[in-house]
Amino acid sequence: MVFQDGHAYVCESGQMCVPIVFDNLIVTGSMPTTIALFVNPGHRGVKKPNENGWGKRSNRSVEYDTPRSDYAGFLADELLPHVETT
């Protein structure tokens, strides 16, 4: 399962706590073993995002909101094959 703005979902002390929720659902048999990918958008420039992952995201709209196949292609052709091999 792929989560955009992954830092917000992976944080175990945040609102979603996906790793904890997944573990609980898997251990009770309510959900099959599932691999989660927590993806953050790219950043331009030299300034890094804030510690919590939020900040200036000049690529966010281009990567997530633009109705083109670029992002889906990145996931299918680059990210998922990389995860499978590592």
PDB file of N, CA and C in Angstrom:
ATOM      1  N   MET A   1       0.856  -1.158   0.000  1.00  0.00           N
ATOM      2  CA  MET A   1       0.000   0.000   0.000  1.00  0.00           C
ATOM      3  C   MET A   1       0.903   1.221   0.000  1.00  0.00           C
ATOM      4  N   VAL A   2       0.584   2.196  -0.822  1.00  0.00           N
ATOM      5  CA  VAL A   2       1.405   3.399  -0.948  1.00  0.00           C
ATOM      6  C   VAL A   2       0.675   4.573  -0.306  1.00  0.00           C
ATOM      7  N   PHE A   3       1.381   5.272   0.558  1.00  0.00           N
ATOM      8  CA  PHE A   3       0.850   6.465   1.222  1.00  0.00           C
ATOM      9  C   PHE A   3       1.609   7.682   0.726  1.00  0.00           C
ATOM     10  N   GLN A   4       0.905   8.648   0.145  1.00  0.00           N
ATOM     11  CA  GLN A   4       1.517   9.929  -0.186  1.00  0.00           C
ATOM     12  C   GLN A   4       1.655  10.733   1.106  1.00  0.00           C
ATOM     13  N   ASP A   5       2.585  11.696   1.133  1.00  0.00           N
ATOM     14  CA  ASP A   5       2.878  12.434   2.369  1.00  0.00           C
ATOM     15  C   ASP A   5       3.159  11.432   3.480  1.00  0.00           C
ATOM     16  N   GLY A   6       3.994  10.453   3.160  1.00  0.00           N
ATOM     17  CA  GLY A   6       4.245   9.315   4.024  1.00  0.00           C
ATOM     18  C   GLY A   6       4.640   9.638   5.446  1.00  0.00           C
ATOM     19  N   HIS A   7       5.372  10.731   5.647  1.00  0.00           N
ATOM     20  CA  HIS A   7       5.817  11.075   6.997  1.00  0.00           C
ATOM     21  C   HIS A   7       4.640  11.254   7.949  1.00  0.00           C
ATOM     22  N   ALA A   8       3.495  11.698   7.435  1.00  0.00           N
ATOM     23  CA  ALA A   8       2.326  11.916   8.290  1.00  0.00           C
ATOM     24  C   ALA A   8       1.668  10.599   8.696  1.00  0.00           C
ATOM     25  N   TYR A   9       1.848   9.561   7.894  1.00  0.00           N
ATOM     26  CA  TYR A   9       1.211   8.274   8.167  1.00  0.00           C
ATOM     27  C   TYR A   9       2.118   7.326   8.948  1.00  0.00           C
ATOM     28  N   VAL A  10       3.418   7.456   8.786  1.00  0.00           N
ATOM     29  CA  VAL A  10       4.352   6.532   9.427  1.00  0.00           C
ATOM     30  C   VAL A  10       4.629   6.900  10.885  1.00  0.00           C
ATOM     31  N   CYS A  11       4.389   8.132  11.245  1.00  0.00           N
ATOM     32  CA  CYS A  11       4.671   8.601  12.601  1.00  0.00           C
ATOM     33  C   CYS A  11       3.798   7.856  13.610  1.00  0.00           C
ATOM     34  N   GLU A  12       4.419   7.100  14.488  1.00  0.00           N
ATOM     35  CA  GLU A  12       3.678   6.289  15.447  1.00  0.00           C
ATOM     36  C   GLU A  12       3.066   7.100  16.586  1.00  0.00           C
ATOM     37  N   SER A  13       3.421   8.377  16.674  1.00  0.00           N
ATOM     38  CA  SER A  13       2.795   9.231  17.686  1.00  0.00           C
ATOM     39  C   SER A  13       1.878  10.261  17.025  1.00  0.00           C
ATOM     40  N   GLY A  14       1.623  10.109  15.740  1.00  0.00           N
ATOM     41  CA  GLY A  14       0.777  11.044  15.012  1.00  0.00           C
ATOM     42  C   GLY A  14      -0.681  10.629  15.015  1.00  0.00           C
ATOM     43  N   GLN A  15      -1.452  11.223  14.117  1.00  0.00           N
ATOM     44  CA  GLN A  15      -2.888  10.967  14.060  1.00  0.00           C
ATOM     45  C   GLN A  15      -3.225   9.611  13.459  1.00  0.00           C
ATOM     46  N   MET A  16      -2.452   9.159  12.457  1.00  0.00           N
ATOM     47  CA  MET A  16      -2.815   7.930  11.757  1.00  0.00           C
ATOM     48  C   MET A  16      -2.155   6.673  12.331  1.00  0.00           C
ATOM     49  N   CYS A  17      -0.927   6.746  12.747  1.00  0.00           N
ATOM     50  CA  CYS A  17      -0.207   5.615  13.355  1.00  0.00           C
ATOM     51  C   CYS A  17      -0.306   4.338  12.512  1.00  0.00           C
ATOM     52  N   VAL A  18      -0.132   4.462  11.210  1.00  0.00           N
ATOM     53  CA  VAL A  18      -0.344   3.328  10.312  1.00  0.00           C
ATOM     54  C   VAL A  18       0.476   2.095  10.689  1.00  0.00           C
ATOM     55  N   PRO A  19       1.751   2.208  11.050  1.00  0.00           N
ATOM     56  CA  PRO A  19       2.469   0.981  11.408  1.00  0.00           C
ATOM     57  C   PRO A  19       1.808   0.218  12.561  1.00  0.00           C
ATOM     58  N   ILE A  20       1.326   0.928  13.547  1.00  0.00           N
ATOM     59  CA  ILE A  20       0.663   0.277  14.686  1.00  0.00           C
ATOM     60  C   ILE A  20      -0.672  -0.330  14.246  1.00  0.00           C
ATOM     61  N   VAL A  21      -1.434   0.425  13.468  1.00  0.00           N
ATOM     62  CA  VAL A  21      -2.730  -0.072  12.990  1.00  0.00           C
ATOM     63  C   VAL A  21      -2.529  -1.314  12.130  1.00  0.00           C
ATOM     64  N   PHE A  22      -1.570  -1.253  11.187  1.00  0.00           N
ATOM     65  CA  PHE A  22      -1.292  -2.418  10.338  1.00  0.00           C
ATOM     66  C   PHE A  22      -0.899  -3.624  11.185  1.00  0.00           C
ATOM     67  N   ASP A  23       0.013  -3.429  12.129  1.00  0.00           N
ATOM     68  CA  ASP A  23       0.457  -4.547  12.976  1.00  0.00           C
ATOM     69  C   ASP A  23      -0.723  -5.166  13.724  1.00  0.00           C
ATOM     70  N   ASN A  24      -1.586  -4.335  14.286  1.00  0.00           N
ATOM     71  CA  ASN A  24      -2.740  -4.846  15.028  1.00  0.00           C
ATOM     72  C   ASN A  24      -3.701  -5.606  14.123  1.00  0.00           C
ATOM     73  N   LEU A  25      -3.964  -5.086  12.940  1.00  0.00           N
ATOM     74  CA  LEU A  25      -4.868  -5.761  12.006  1.00  0.00           C
ATOM     75  C   LEU A  25      -4.275  -7.072  11.496  1.00  0.00           C
ATOM     76  N   ILE A  26      -2.975  -7.079  11.245  1.00  0.00           N
ATOM     77  CA  ILE A  26      -2.323  -8.285  10.734  1.00  0.00           C
ATOM     78  C   ILE A  26      -2.284  -9.373  11.802  1.00  0.00           C
ATOM     79  N   VAL A  27      -1.931  -9.007  13.021  1.00  0.00           N
ATOM     80  CA  VAL A  27      -1.806 -10.010  14.080  1.00  0.00           C
ATOM     81  C   VAL A  27      -3.153 -10.642  14.440  1.00  0.00           C
ATOM     82  N   THR A  28      -4.240  -9.898  14.276  1.00  0.00           N
ATOM     83  CA  THR A  28      -5.556 -10.466  14.572  1.00  0.00           C
ATOM     84  C   THR A  28      -6.152 -11.211  13.380  1.00  0.00           C
ATOM     85  N   GLY A  29      -5.469 -11.171  12.239  1.00  0.00           N
ATOM     86  CA  GLY A  29      -5.975 -11.847  11.047  1.00  0.00           C
ATOM     87  C   GLY A  29      -7.019 -11.047  10.294  1.00  0.00           C
ATOM     88  N   SER A  30      -7.232  -9.802  10.682  1.00  0.00           N
ATOM     89  CA  SER A  30      -8.219  -8.951  10.010  1.00  0.00           C
ATOM     90  C   SER A  30      -7.712  -8.420   8.675  1.00  0.00           C
ATOM     91  N   MET A  31      -6.402  -8.512   8.463  1.00  0.00           N
ATOM     92  CA  MET A  31      -5.786  -8.006   7.240  1.00  0.00           C
ATOM     93  C   MET A  31      -4.596  -8.902   6.925  1.00  0.00           C
ATOM     94  N   PRO A  32      -4.367  -9.234   5.662  1.00  0.00           N
ATOM     95  CA  PRO A  32      -3.191 -10.037   5.341  1.00  0.00           C
ATOM     96  C   PRO A  32      -1.912  -9.220   5.523  1.00  0.00           C
ATOM     97  N   THR A  33      -0.787  -9.900   5.629  1.00  0.00           N
ATOM     98  CA  THR A  33       0.492  -9.202   5.694  1.00  0.00           C
ATOM     99  C   THR A  33       0.580  -8.242   4.520  1.00  0.00           C
ATOM    100  N   THR A  34       0.901  -6.991   4.793  1.00  0.00           N
ATOM    101  CA  THR A  34       0.880  -5.938   3.788  1.00  0.00           C
ATOM    102  C   THR A  34       2.138  -5.097   3.908  1.00  0.00           C
ATOM    103  N   ILE A  35       2.746  -4.808   2.786  1.00  0.00           N
ATOM    104  CA  ILE A  35       3.904  -3.912   2.753  1.00  0.00           C
ATOM    105  C   ILE A  35       3.399  -2.501   2.502  1.00  0.00           C
ATOM    106  N   ALA A  36       3.815  -1.578   3.337  1.00  0.00           N
ATOM    107  CA  ALA A  36       3.423  -0.172   3.179  1.00  0.00           C
ATOM    108  C   ALA A  36       4.633   0.639   2.748  1.00  0.00           C
ATOM    109  N   LEU A  37       4.418   1.491   1.770  1.00  0.00           N
ATOM    110  CA  LEU A  37       5.452   2.424   1.316  1.00  0.00           C
ATOM    111  C   LEU A  37       4.988   3.823   1.684  1.00  0.00           C
ATOM    112  N   PHE A  38       5.819   4.539   2.410  1.00  0.00           N
ATOM    113  CA  PHE A  38       5.494   5.885   2.854  1.00  0.00           C
ATOM    114  C   PHE A  38       6.340   6.851   2.033  1.00  0.00           C
ATOM    115  N   VAL A  39       5.705   7.478   1.048  1.00  0.00           N
ATOM    116  CA  VAL A  39       6.412   8.289   0.060  1.00  0.00           C
ATOM    117  C   VAL A  39       6.175   9.768   0.333  1.00  0.00           C
ATOM    118  N   ASN A  40       7.249  10.528   0.335  1.00  0.00           N
ATOM    119  CA  ASN A  40       7.159  11.978   0.452  1.00  0.00           C
ATOM    120  C   ASN A  40       7.476  12.607  -0.892  1.00  0.00           C
ATOM    121  N   PRO A  41       6.899  13.767  -1.177  1.00  0.00           N
ATOM    122  CA  PRO A  41       7.208  14.435  -2.437  1.00  0.00           C
ATOM    123  C   PRO A  41       8.629  14.992  -2.416  1.00  0.00           C
ATOM    124  N   GLY A  42       9.152  15.231  -3.598  1.00  0.00           N
ATOM    125  CA  GLY A  42      10.490  15.803  -3.705  1.00  0.00           C
ATOM    126  C   GLY A  42      10.520  17.268  -3.317  1.00  0.00           C
ATOM    127  N   HIS A  43      11.693  17.725  -2.992  1.00  0.00           N
ATOM    128  CA  HIS A  43      11.895  19.118  -2.601  1.00  0.00           C
ATOM    129  C   HIS A  43      12.931  19.727  -3.534  1.00  0.00           C
ATOM    130  N   ARG A  44      12.727  20.958  -3.877  1.00  0.00           N
ATOM    131  CA  ARG A  44      13.705  21.685  -4.684  1.00  0.00           C
ATOM    132  C   ARG A  44      14.452  22.650  -3.784  1.00  0.00           C
ATOM    133  N   GLY A  45      15.657  22.975  -4.204  1.00  0.00           N
ATOM    134  CA  GLY A  45      16.440  23.944  -3.459  1.00  0.00           C
ATOM    135  C   GLY A  45      17.273  23.291  -2.373  1.00  0.00           C
ATOM    136  N   VAL A  46      17.924  24.107  -1.583  1.00  0.00           N
ATOM    137  CA  VAL A  46      18.846  23.602  -0.574  1.00  0.00           C
ATOM    138  C   VAL A  46      18.208  23.457   0.803  1.00  0.00           C
ATOM    139  N   LYS A  47      17.086  24.133   1.027  1.00  0.00           N
ATOM    140  CA  LYS A  47      16.448  24.077   2.341  1.00  0.00           C
ATOM    141  C   LYS A  47      15.690  22.761   2.509  1.00  0.00           C
ATOM    142  N   LYS A  48      16.003  22.029   3.551  1.00  0.00           N
ATOM    143  CA  LYS A  48      15.340  20.760   3.841  1.00  0.00           C
ATOM    144  C   LYS A  48      13.985  21.017   4.478  1.00  0.00           C
ATOM    145  N   PRO A  49      13.075  20.022   4.410  1.00  0.00           N
ATOM    146  CA  PRO A  49      11.784  20.189   5.101  1.00  0.00           C
ATOM    147  C   PRO A  49      11.984  20.204   6.604  1.00  0.00           C
ATOM    148  N   ASN A  50      10.970  20.637   7.314  1.00  0.00           N
ATOM    149  CA  ASN A  50      11.017  20.654   8.778  1.00  0.00           C
ATOM    150  C   ASN A  50      11.197  19.245   9.321  1.00  0.00           C
ATOM    151  N   GLU A  51      11.548  19.146  10.595  1.00  0.00           N
ATOM    152  CA  GLU A  51      11.732  17.845  11.252  1.00  0.00           C
ATOM    153  C   GLU A  51      10.503  16.951  11.107  1.00  0.00           C
ATOM    154  N   ASN A  52       9.315  17.562  11.145  1.00  0.00           N
ATOM    155  CA  ASN A  52       8.078  16.772  11.058  1.00  0.00           C
ATOM    156  C   ASN A  52       7.725  16.398   9.620  1.00  0.00           C
ATOM    157  N   GLY A  53       8.556  16.792   8.645  1.00  0.00           N
ATOM    158  CA  GLY A  53       8.333  16.426   7.256  1.00  0.00           C
ATOM    159  C   GLY A  53       7.590  17.454   6.437  1.00  0.00           C
ATOM    160  N   TRP A  54       6.926  18.406   7.095  1.00  0.00           N
ATOM    161  CA  TRP A  54       6.200  19.434   6.361  1.00  0.00           C
ATOM    162  C   TRP A  54       7.115  20.619   6.101  1.00  0.00           C
ATOM    163  N   GLY A  55       6.874  21.300   5.065  1.00  0.00           N
ATOM    164  CA  GLY A  55       7.668  22.472   4.723  1.00  0.00           C
ATOM    165  C   GLY A  55       7.400  22.865   3.283  1.00  0.00           C
ATOM    166  N   LYS A  56       8.286  23.648   2.722  1.00  0.00           N
ATOM    167  CA  LYS A  56       8.121  24.065   1.328  1.00  0.00           C
ATOM    168  C   LYS A  56       8.232  22.842   0.432  1.00  0.00           C
ATOM    169  N   ARG A  57       7.201  22.579  -0.325  1.00  0.00           N
ATOM    170  CA  ARG A  57       7.158  21.397  -1.187  1.00  0.00           C
ATOM    171  C   ARG A  57       6.857  21.833  -2.614  1.00  0.00           C
ATOM    172  N   SER A  58       7.844  22.356  -3.261  1.00  0.00           N
ATOM    173  CA  SER A  58       7.589  22.864  -4.598  1.00  0.00           C
ATOM    174  C   SER A  58       7.242  21.758  -5.588  1.00  0.00           C
ATOM    175  N   ASN A  59       7.564  20.523  -5.295  1.00  0.00           N
ATOM    176  CA  ASN A  59       7.241  19.417  -6.205  1.00  0.00           C
ATOM    177  C   ASN A  59       5.937  18.710  -5.849  1.00  0.00           C
ATOM    178  N   ARG A  60       5.355  18.993  -4.699  1.00  0.00           N
ATOM    179  CA  ARG A  60       4.179  18.249  -4.245  1.00  0.00           C
ATOM    180  C   ARG A  60       3.041  18.328  -5.246  1.00  0.00           C
ATOM    181  N   SER A  61       2.678  19.518  -5.665  1.00  0.00           N
ATOM    182  CA  SER A  61       1.573  19.674  -6.606  1.00  0.00           C
ATOM    183  C   SER A  61       1.882  18.989  -7.935  1.00  0.00           C
ATOM    184  N   VAL A  62       3.109  19.115  -8.397  1.00  0.00           N
ATOM    185  CA  VAL A  62       3.488  18.492  -9.666  1.00  0.00           C
ATOM    186  C   VAL A  62       3.419  16.977  -9.564  1.00  0.00           C
ATOM    187  N   GLU A  63       3.898  16.426  -8.473  1.00  0.00           N
ATOM    188  CA  GLU A  63       3.955  14.971  -8.326  1.00  0.00           C
ATOM    189  C   GLU A  63       2.595  14.349  -8.016  1.00  0.00           C
ATOM    190  N   TYR A  64       1.804  14.969  -7.157  1.00  0.00           N
ATOM    191  CA  TYR A  64       0.561  14.360  -6.701  1.00  0.00           C
ATOM    192  C   TYR A  64      -0.671  14.836  -7.470  1.00  0.00           C
ATOM    193  N   ASP A  65      -0.724  16.102  -7.821  1.00  0.00           N
ATOM    194  CA  ASP A  65      -1.962  16.695  -8.309  1.00  0.00           C
ATOM    195  C   ASP A  65      -2.079  16.792  -9.831  1.00  0.00           C
ATOM    196  N   THR A  66      -0.979  16.715 -10.522  1.00  0.00           N
ATOM    197  CA  THR A  66      -1.000  16.866 -11.967  1.00  0.00           C
ATOM    198  C   THR A  66      -1.565  15.605 -12.608  1.00  0.00           C
ATOM    199  N   PRO A  67      -2.632  15.707 -13.410  1.00  0.00           N
ATOM    200  CA  PRO A  67      -3.251  14.508 -13.998  1.00  0.00           C
ATOM    201  C   PRO A  67      -2.447  13.952 -15.182  1.00  0.00           C
ATOM    202  N   ARG A  68      -1.304  13.395 -14.875  1.00  0.00           N
ATOM    203  CA  ARG A  68      -0.457  12.747 -15.880  1.00  0.00           C
ATOM    204  C   ARG A  68      -0.009  11.412 -15.315  1.00  0.00           C
ATOM    205  N   SER A  69       0.613  10.637 -16.144  1.00  0.00           N
ATOM    206  CA  SER A  69       1.046   9.308 -15.714  1.00  0.00           C
ATOM    207  C   SER A  69       2.445   9.306 -15.106  1.00  0.00           C
ATOM    208  N   ASP A  70       3.066  10.461 -14.961  1.00  0.00           N
ATOM    209  CA  ASP A  70       4.446  10.526 -14.464  1.00  0.00           C
ATOM    210  C   ASP A  70       4.608   9.870 -13.091  1.00  0.00           C
ATOM    211  N   TYR A  71       3.749  10.225 -12.154  1.00  0.00           N
ATOM    212  CA  TYR A  71       3.892   9.710 -10.792  1.00  0.00           C
ATOM    213  C   TYR A  71       3.586   8.218 -10.738  1.00  0.00           C
ATOM    214  N   ALA A  72       2.532   7.805 -11.425  1.00  0.00           N
ATOM    215  CA  ALA A  72       2.210   6.374 -11.482  1.00  0.00           C
ATOM    216  C   ALA A  72       3.365   5.610 -12.129  1.00  0.00           C
ATOM    217  N   GLY A  73       3.964   6.190 -13.157  1.00  0.00           N
ATOM    218  CA  GLY A  73       5.119   5.565 -13.797  1.00  0.00           C
ATOM    219  C   GLY A  73       6.294   5.463 -12.846  1.00  0.00           C
ATOM    220  N   PHE A  74       6.527   6.510 -12.065  1.00  0.00           N
ATOM    221  CA  PHE A  74       7.603   6.468 -11.068  1.00  0.00           C
ATOM    222  C   PHE A  74       7.368   5.329 -10.081  1.00  0.00           C
ATOM    223  N   LEU A  75       6.137   5.217  -9.584  1.00  0.00           N
ATOM    224  CA  LEU A  75       5.831   4.141  -8.628  1.00  0.00           C
ATOM    225  C   LEU A  75       6.002   2.766  -9.268  1.00  0.00           C
ATOM    226  N   ALA A  76       5.409   2.576 -10.444  1.00  0.00           N
ATOM    227  CA  ALA A  76       5.407   1.258 -11.090  1.00  0.00           C
ATOM    228  C   ALA A  76       6.753   0.874 -11.675  1.00  0.00           C
ATOM    229  N   ASP A  77       7.456   1.837 -12.241  1.00  0.00           N
ATOM    230  CA  ASP A  77       8.689   1.525 -12.974  1.00  0.00           C
ATOM    231  C   ASP A  77       9.969   1.697 -12.166  1.00  0.00           C
ATOM    232  N   GLU A  78       9.918   2.502 -11.113  1.00  0.00           N
ATOM    233  CA  GLU A  78      11.132   2.765 -10.343  1.00  0.00           C
ATOM    234  C   GLU A  78      11.027   2.320  -8.887  1.00  0.00           C
ATOM    235  N   LEU A  79      10.030   2.840  -8.167  1.00  0.00           N
ATOM    236  CA  LEU A  79       9.968   2.591  -6.729  1.00  0.00           C
ATOM    237  C   LEU A  79       9.643   1.133  -6.398  1.00  0.00           C
ATOM    238  N   LEU A  80       8.574   0.592  -6.960  1.00  0.00           N
ATOM    239  CA  LEU A  80       8.200  -0.788  -6.647  1.00  0.00           C
ATOM    240  C   LEU A  80       9.270  -1.808  -7.062  1.00  0.00           C
ATOM    241  N   PRO A  81       9.890  -1.688  -8.256  1.00  0.00           N
ATOM    242  CA  PRO A  81      10.985  -2.612  -8.570  1.00  0.00           C
ATOM    243  C   PRO A  81      12.151  -2.497  -7.590  1.00  0.00           C
ATOM    244  N   HIS A  82      12.450  -1.290  -7.138  1.00  0.00           N
ATOM    245  CA  HIS A  82      13.523  -1.106  -6.167  1.00  0.00           C
ATOM    246  C   HIS A  82      13.174  -1.799  -4.846  1.00  0.00           C
ATOM    247  N   VAL A  83      11.935  -1.659  -4.404  1.00  0.00           N
ATOM    248  CA  VAL A  83      11.501  -2.308  -3.162  1.00  0.00           C
ATOM    249  C   VAL A  83      11.574  -3.827  -3.305  1.00  0.00           C
ATOM    250  N   GLU A  84      11.167  -4.336  -4.456  1.00  0.00           N
ATOM    251  CA  GLU A  84      11.203  -5.794  -4.674  1.00  0.00           C
ATOM    252  C   GLU A  84      12.624  -6.356  -4.616  1.00  0.00           C
ATOM    253  N   THR A  85      13.601  -5.597  -5.075  1.00  0.00           N
ATOM    254  CA  THR A  85      14.975  -6.104  -5.109  1.00  0.00           C
ATOM    255  C   THR A  85      15.714  -5.874  -3.804  1.00  0.00           C
ATOM    256  N   THR A  86      15.194  -4.973  -2.965  1.00  0.00           N
ATOM    257  CA  THR A  86      15.887  -4.708  -1.697  1.00  0.00           C
ATOM    258  C   THR A  86      15.089  -5.244  -0.542  1.00  0.00           C
TER     259      THR A  86
END
